[in-house]
Amino acid sequence: MHKHWTLFALGVIIFFFPFLGFPPEWKTIFLFIAGFAVAAISLSFIMLSKRNTSSHRVTKHEQTSSCKV
């Protein structure tokens, strides 16, 4: 859940950052770092979801062998 809040906070900061009056060089550096952070967090979500779905797959053998009478 911590990653969700971090991603949300980065989005809010990125949204308001152009209106805060920082020099253009700072904006460029911050947006680069924030973009990298968003990409890294999103990639970790993807990797986590792939790991969870692959561990819960039921093979064809498991489906047929579990229904013995």
PDB file of N, CA and C in Angstrom:
ATOM      1  N   MET A   1       0.825  -1.195   0.000  1.00  0.00           N
ATOM      2  CA  MET A   1       0.000   0.000   0.000  1.00  0.00           C
ATOM      3  C   MET A   1       0.870   1.259   0.000  1.00  0.00           C
ATOM      4  N   HIS A   2       2.073   1.136   0.516  1.00  0.00           N
ATOM      5  CA  HIS A   2       2.987   2.264   0.565  1.00  0.00           C
ATOM      6  C   HIS A   2       3.322   2.764  -0.849  1.00  0.00           C
ATOM      7  N   LYS A   3       3.445   1.832  -1.802  1.00  0.00           N
ATOM      8  CA  LYS A   3       3.755   2.212  -3.179  1.00  0.00           C
ATOM      9  C   LYS A   3       2.615   2.996  -3.806  1.00  0.00           C
ATOM     10  N   HIS A   4       1.384   2.646  -3.446  1.00  0.00           N
ATOM     11  CA  HIS A   4       0.229   3.363  -3.992  1.00  0.00           C
ATOM     12  C   HIS A   4       0.256   4.829  -3.554  1.00  0.00           C
ATOM     13  N   TRP A   5       0.522   5.057  -2.282  1.00  0.00           N
ATOM     14  CA  TRP A   5       0.559   6.427  -1.779  1.00  0.00           C
ATOM     15  C   TRP A   5       1.741   7.195  -2.352  1.00  0.00           C
ATOM     16  N   THR A   6       2.874   6.535  -2.530  1.00  0.00           N
ATOM     17  CA  THR A   6       4.031   7.198  -3.135  1.00  0.00           C
ATOM     18  C   THR A   6       3.725   7.603  -4.563  1.00  0.00           C
ATOM     19  N   LEU A   7       3.101   6.730  -5.307  1.00  0.00           N
ATOM     20  CA  LEU A   7       2.730   7.031  -6.681  1.00  0.00           C
ATOM     21  C   LEU A   7       1.722   8.174  -6.741  1.00  0.00           C
ATOM     22  N   PHE A   8       0.761   8.169  -5.841  1.00  0.00           N
ATOM     23  CA  PHE A   8      -0.223   9.251  -5.780  1.00  0.00           C
ATOM     24  C   PHE A   8       0.439  10.582  -5.433  1.00  0.00           C
ATOM     25  N   ALA A   9       1.329  10.577  -4.434  1.00  0.00           N
ATOM     26  CA  ALA A   9       2.007  11.806  -4.026  1.00  0.00           C
ATOM     27  C   ALA A   9       2.879  12.354  -5.152  1.00  0.00           C
ATOM     28  N   LEU A  10       3.580  11.477  -5.868  1.00  0.00           N
ATOM     29  CA  LEU A  10       4.386  11.938  -7.003  1.00  0.00           C
ATOM     30  C   LEU A  10       3.500  12.570  -8.075  1.00  0.00           C
ATOM     31  N   GLY A  11       2.353  11.983  -8.310  1.00  0.00           N
ATOM     32  CA  GLY A  11       1.430  12.553  -9.292  1.00  0.00           C
ATOM     33  C   GLY A  11       0.941  13.935  -8.906  1.00  0.00           C
ATOM     34  N   VAL A  12       0.620  14.116  -7.640  1.00  0.00           N
ATOM     35  CA  VAL A  12       0.156  15.429  -7.165  1.00  0.00           C
ATOM     36  C   VAL A  12       1.293  16.455  -7.262  1.00  0.00           C
ATOM     37  N   ILE A  13       2.490  16.059  -6.860  1.00  0.00           N
ATOM     38  CA  ILE A  13       3.631  16.983  -6.926  1.00  0.00           C
ATOM     39  C   ILE A  13       3.940  17.347  -8.372  1.00  0.00           C
ATOM     40  N   ILE A  14       3.915  16.358  -9.260  1.00  0.00           N
ATOM     41  CA  ILE A  14       4.161  16.631 -10.681  1.00  0.00           C
ATOM     42  C   ILE A  14       3.099  17.563 -11.242  1.00  0.00           C
ATOM     43  N   PHE A  15       1.867  17.402 -10.799  1.00  0.00           N
ATOM     44  CA  PHE A  15       0.779  18.257 -11.273  1.00  0.00           C
ATOM     45  C   PHE A  15       0.991  19.715 -10.875  1.00  0.00           C
ATOM     46  N   PHE A  16       1.395  19.970  -9.622  1.00  0.00           N
ATOM     47  CA  PHE A  16       1.531  21.337  -9.137  1.00  0.00           C
ATOM     48  C   PHE A  16       2.915  21.943  -9.359  1.00  0.00           C
ATOM     49  N   PHE A  17       3.898  21.148  -9.683  1.00  0.00           N
ATOM     50  CA  PHE A  17       5.273  21.622  -9.771  1.00  0.00           C
ATOM     51  C   PHE A  17       5.467  22.782 -10.757  1.00  0.00           C
ATOM     52  N   PRO A  18       4.850  22.789 -11.935  1.00  0.00           N
ATOM     53  CA  PRO A  18       5.059  23.912 -12.854  1.00  0.00           C
ATOM     54  C   PRO A  18       4.572  25.264 -12.312  1.00  0.00           C
ATOM     55  N   PHE A  19       3.674  25.252 -11.355  1.00  0.00           N
ATOM     56  CA  PHE A  19       3.113  26.494 -10.837  1.00  0.00           C
ATOM     57  C   PHE A  19       3.855  27.025  -9.613  1.00  0.00           C
ATOM     58  N   LEU A  20       4.889  26.331  -9.155  1.00  0.00           N
ATOM     59  CA  LEU A  20       5.578  26.718  -7.929  1.00  0.00           C
ATOM     60  C   LEU A  20       6.697  27.721  -8.137  1.00  0.00           C
ATOM     61  N   GLY A  21       7.080  28.020  -9.358  1.00  0.00           N
ATOM     62  CA  GLY A  21       8.052  29.061  -9.633  1.00  0.00           C
ATOM     63  C   GLY A  21       9.510  28.657  -9.526  1.00  0.00           C
ATOM     64  N   PHE A  22       9.801  27.391  -9.684  1.00  0.00           N
ATOM     65  CA  PHE A  22      11.190  26.950  -9.655  1.00  0.00           C
ATOM     66  C   PHE A  22      11.863  27.267 -10.988  1.00  0.00           C
ATOM     67  N   PRO A  23      13.191  27.417 -11.002  1.00  0.00           N
ATOM     68  CA  PRO A  23      13.910  27.641 -12.270  1.00  0.00           C
ATOM     69  C   PRO A  23      13.744  26.450 -13.216  1.00  0.00           C
ATOM     70  N   PRO A  24      13.831  26.701 -14.514  1.00  0.00           N
ATOM     71  CA  PRO A  24      13.623  25.614 -15.497  1.00  0.00           C
ATOM     72  C   PRO A  24      14.576  24.429 -15.319  1.00  0.00           C
ATOM     73  N   GLU A  25      15.814  24.680 -14.893  1.00  0.00           N
ATOM     74  CA  GLU A  25      16.761  23.583 -14.702  1.00  0.00           C
ATOM     75  C   GLU A  25      16.280  22.648 -13.589  1.00  0.00           C
ATOM     76  N   TRP A  26      15.767  23.221 -12.522  1.00  0.00           N
ATOM     77  CA  TRP A  26      15.250  22.421 -11.409  1.00  0.00           C
ATOM     78  C   TRP A  26      14.048  21.599 -11.857  1.00  0.00           C
ATOM     79  N   LYS A  27      13.185  22.235 -12.651  1.00  0.00           N
ATOM     80  CA  LYS A  27      12.005  21.518 -13.141  1.00  0.00           C
ATOM     81  C   LYS A  27      12.416  20.309 -13.972  1.00  0.00           C
ATOM     82  N   THR A  28      13.400  20.506 -14.834  1.00  0.00           N
ATOM     83  CA  THR A  28      13.849  19.415 -15.691  1.00  0.00           C
ATOM     84  C   THR A  28      14.416  18.274 -14.862  1.00  0.00           C
ATOM     85  N   ILE A  29      15.264  18.601 -13.906  1.00  0.00           N
ATOM     86  CA  ILE A  29      15.879  17.572 -13.063  1.00  0.00           C
ATOM     87  C   ILE A  29      14.817  16.849 -12.237  1.00  0.00           C
ATOM     88  N   PHE A  30      13.915  17.615 -11.623  1.00  0.00           N
ATOM     89  CA  PHE A  30      12.877  16.988 -10.794  1.00  0.00           C
ATOM     90  C   PHE A  30      11.964  16.101 -11.630  1.00  0.00           C
ATOM     91  N   LEU A  31      11.539  16.572 -12.798  1.00  0.00           N
ATOM     92  CA  LEU A  31      10.635  15.785 -13.626  1.00  0.00           C
ATOM     93  C   LEU A  31      11.318  14.518 -14.133  1.00  0.00           C
ATOM     94  N   PHE A  32      12.613  14.586 -14.395  1.00  0.00           N
ATOM     95  CA  PHE A  32      13.352  13.390 -14.794  1.00  0.00           C
ATOM     96  C   PHE A  32      13.367  12.368 -13.653  1.00  0.00           C
ATOM     97  N   ILE A  33      13.695  12.819 -12.450  1.00  0.00           N
ATOM     98  CA  ILE A  33      13.742  11.920 -11.296  1.00  0.00           C
ATOM     99  C   ILE A  33      12.348  11.374 -10.969  1.00  0.00           C
ATOM    100  N   ALA A  34      11.339  12.236 -11.005  1.00  0.00           N
ATOM    101  CA  ALA A  34       9.977  11.798 -10.709  1.00  0.00           C
ATOM    102  C   ALA A  34       9.474  10.816 -11.764  1.00  0.00           C
ATOM    103  N   GLY A  35       9.784  11.058 -13.015  1.00  0.00           N
ATOM    104  CA  GLY A  35       9.387  10.131 -14.078  1.00  0.00           C
ATOM    105  C   GLY A  35      10.032   8.769 -13.919  1.00  0.00           C
ATOM    106  N   PHE A  36      11.313   8.770 -13.539  1.00  0.00           N
ATOM    107  CA  PHE A  36      12.002   7.510 -13.294  1.00  0.00           C
ATOM    108  C   PHE A  36      11.372   6.774 -12.113  1.00  0.00           C
ATOM    109  N   ALA A  37      11.019   7.507 -11.059  1.00  0.00           N
ATOM    110  CA  ALA A  37      10.401   6.888  -9.879  1.00  0.00           C
ATOM    111  C   ALA A  37       9.035   6.288 -10.233  1.00  0.00           C
ATOM    112  N   VAL A  38       8.243   7.011 -11.001  1.00  0.00           N
ATOM    113  CA  VAL A  38       6.928   6.501 -11.415  1.00  0.00           C
ATOM    114  C   VAL A  38       7.096   5.231 -12.250  1.00  0.00           C
ATOM    115  N   ALA A  39       8.064   5.247 -13.167  1.00  0.00           N
ATOM    116  CA  ALA A  39       8.303   4.069 -14.003  1.00  0.00           C
ATOM    117  C   ALA A  39       8.764   2.881 -13.158  1.00  0.00           C
ATOM    118  N   ALA A  40       9.638   3.121 -12.196  1.00  0.00           N
ATOM    119  CA  ALA A  40      10.143   2.037 -11.348  1.00  0.00           C
ATOM    120  C   ALA A  40       9.032   1.447 -10.480  1.00  0.00           C
ATOM    121  N   ILE A  41       8.198   2.300  -9.910  1.00  0.00           N
ATOM    122  CA  ILE A  41       7.095   1.814  -9.079  1.00  0.00           C
ATOM    123  C   ILE A  41       6.087   1.043  -9.930  1.00  0.00           C
ATOM    124  N   SER A  42       5.799   1.555 -11.120  1.00  0.00           N
ATOM    125  CA  SER A  42       4.869   0.858 -12.019  1.00  0.00           C
ATOM    126  C   SER A  42       5.432  -0.496 -12.434  1.00  0.00           C
ATOM    127  N   LEU A  43       6.726  -0.547 -12.701  1.00  0.00           N
ATOM    128  CA  LEU A  43       7.357  -1.819 -13.067  1.00  0.00           C
ATOM    129  C   LEU A  43       7.282  -2.813 -11.910  1.00  0.00           C
ATOM    130  N   SER A  44       7.455  -2.334 -10.693  1.00  0.00           N
ATOM    131  CA  SER A  44       7.361  -3.245  -9.549  1.00  0.00           C
ATOM    132  C   SER A  44       5.936  -3.780  -9.389  1.00  0.00           C
ATOM    133  N   PHE A  45       4.915  -2.945  -9.697  1.00  0.00           N
ATOM    134  CA  PHE A  45       3.534  -3.435  -9.677  1.00  0.00           C
ATOM    135  C   PHE A  45       3.333  -4.533 -10.717  1.00  0.00           C
ATOM    136  N   ILE A  46       3.884  -4.336 -11.915  1.00  0.00           N
ATOM    137  CA  ILE A  46       3.744  -5.321 -12.990  1.00  0.00           C
ATOM    138  C   ILE A  46       4.431  -6.625 -12.610  1.00  0.00           C
ATOM    139  N   MET A  47       5.640  -6.521 -12.107  1.00  0.00           N
ATOM    140  CA  MET A  47       6.384  -7.726 -11.715  1.00  0.00           C
ATOM    141  C   MET A  47       5.660  -8.469 -10.590  1.00  0.00           C
ATOM    142  N   LEU A  48       5.125  -7.736  -9.629  1.00  0.00           N
ATOM    143  CA  LEU A  48       4.399  -8.354  -8.524  1.00  0.00           C
ATOM    144  C   LEU A  48       3.137  -9.054  -9.016  1.00  0.00           C
ATOM    145  N   SER A  49       2.402  -8.426  -9.927  1.00  0.00           N
ATOM    146  CA  SER A  49       1.171  -9.050 -10.422  1.00  0.00           C
ATOM    147  C   SER A  49       1.486 -10.280 -11.257  1.00  0.00           C
ATOM    148  N   LYS A  50       2.569 -10.248 -12.031  1.00  0.00           N
ATOM    149  CA  LYS A  50       2.947 -11.430 -12.808  1.00  0.00           C
ATOM    150  C   LYS A  50       3.371 -12.565 -11.887  1.00  0.00           C
ATOM    151  N   ARG A  51       4.087 -12.234 -10.826  1.00  0.00           N
ATOM    152  CA  ARG A  51       4.522 -13.270  -9.883  1.00  0.00           C
ATOM    153  C   ARG A  51       3.317 -13.889  -9.179  1.00  0.00           C
ATOM    154  N   ASN A  52       2.339 -13.054  -8.817  1.00  0.00           N
ATOM    155  CA  ASN A  52       1.152 -13.571  -8.128  1.00  0.00           C
ATOM    156  C   ASN A  52       0.288 -14.427  -9.038  1.00  0.00           C
ATOM    157  N   THR A  53       0.127 -14.038 -10.286  1.00  0.00           N
ATOM    158  CA  THR A  53      -0.723 -14.821 -11.187  1.00  0.00           C
ATOM    159  C   THR A  53      -0.040 -16.117 -11.595  1.00  0.00           C
ATOM    160  N   SER A  54       1.275 -16.126 -11.732  1.00  0.00           N
ATOM    161  CA  SER A  54       1.950 -17.356 -12.137  1.00  0.00           C
ATOM    162  C   SER A  54       1.972 -18.373 -11.006  1.00  0.00           C
ATOM    163  N   SER A  55       1.958 -17.942  -9.768  1.00  0.00           N
ATOM    164  CA  SER A  55       1.985 -18.892  -8.659  1.00  0.00           C
ATOM    165  C   SER A  55       0.599 -19.468  -8.364  1.00  0.00           C
ATOM    166  N   HIS A  56      -0.460 -18.865  -8.869  1.00  0.00           N
ATOM    167  CA  HIS A  56      -1.818 -19.332  -8.600  1.00  0.00           C
ATOM    168  C   HIS A  56      -2.441 -20.077  -9.783  1.00  0.00           C
ATOM    169  N   ARG A  57      -1.680 -20.306 -10.823  1.00  0.00           N
ATOM    170  CA  ARG A  57      -2.222 -21.035 -11.966  1.00  0.00           C
ATOM    171  C   ARG A  57      -2.387 -22.504 -11.626  1.00  0.00           C
ATOM    172  N   VAL A  58      -3.470 -23.057 -12.099  1.00  0.00           N
ATOM    173  CA  VAL A  58      -3.750 -24.475 -11.876  1.00  0.00           C
ATOM    174  C   VAL A  58      -3.475 -25.201 -13.178  1.00  0.00           C
ATOM    175  N   THR A  59      -2.666 -26.225 -13.114  1.00  0.00           N
ATOM    176  CA  THR A  59      -2.348 -26.969 -14.325  1.00  0.00           C
ATOM    177  C   THR A  59      -3.498 -27.900 -14.695  1.00  0.00           C
ATOM    178  N   LYS A  60      -3.466 -28.404 -15.908  1.00  0.00           N
ATOM    179  CA  LYS A  60      -4.520 -29.299 -16.381  1.00  0.00           C
ATOM    180  C   LYS A  60      -4.523 -30.597 -15.571  1.00  0.00           C
ATOM    181  N   HIS A  61      -3.354 -31.066 -15.190  1.00  0.00           N
ATOM    182  CA  HIS A  61      -3.248 -32.287 -14.381  1.00  0.00           C
ATOM    183  C   HIS A  61      -3.896 -32.088 -13.010  1.00  0.00           C
ATOM    184  N   GLU A  62      -3.693 -30.939 -12.392  1.00  0.00           N
ATOM    185  CA  GLU A  62      -4.277 -30.660 -11.085  1.00  0.00           C
ATOM    186  C   GLU A  62      -5.795 -30.570 -11.166  1.00  0.00           C
ATOM    187  N   GLN A  63      -6.316 -30.054 -12.275  1.00  0.00           N
ATOM    188  CA  GLN A  63      -7.762 -29.940 -12.423  1.00  0.00           C
ATOM    189  C   GLN A  63      -8.417 -31.313 -12.528  1.00  0.00           C
ATOM    190  N   THR A  64      -7.826 -32.201 -13.285  1.00  0.00           N
ATOM    191  CA  THR A  64      -8.444 -33.521 -13.500  1.00  0.00           C
ATOM    192  C   THR A  64      -8.210 -34.455 -12.318  1.00  0.00           C
ATOM    193  N   SER A  65      -7.095 -34.335 -11.635  1.00  0.00           N
ATOM    194  CA  SER A  65      -6.804 -35.271 -10.544  1.00  0.00           C
ATOM    195  C   SER A  65      -7.542 -34.910  -9.266  1.00  0.00           C
ATOM    196  N   SER A  66      -8.075 -33.720  -9.138  1.00  0.00           N
ATOM    197  CA  SER A  66      -8.747 -33.326  -7.895  1.00  0.00           C
ATOM    198  C   SER A  66     -10.199 -33.773  -7.845  1.00  0.00           C
ATOM    199  N   CYS A  67     -10.775 -34.284  -8.920  1.00  0.00           N
ATOM    200  CA  CYS A  67     -12.187 -34.647  -8.908  1.00  0.00           C
ATOM    201  C   CYS A  67     -12.376 -36.168  -8.935  1.00  0.00           C
ATOM    202  N   LYS A  68     -11.732 -36.841  -8.033  1.00  0.00           N
ATOM    203  CA  LYS A  68     -11.894 -38.306  -7.951  1.00  0.00           C
ATOM    204  C   LYS A  68     -13.135 -38.628  -7.118  1.00  0.00           C
ATOM    205  N   VAL A  69     -13.787 -39.687  -7.491  1.00  0.00           N
ATOM    206  CA  VAL A  69     -15.013 -40.083  -6.817  1.00  0.00           C
ATOM    207  C   VAL A  69     -14.772 -41.287  -5.951  1.00  0.00           C
TER     208      VAL A  69
END
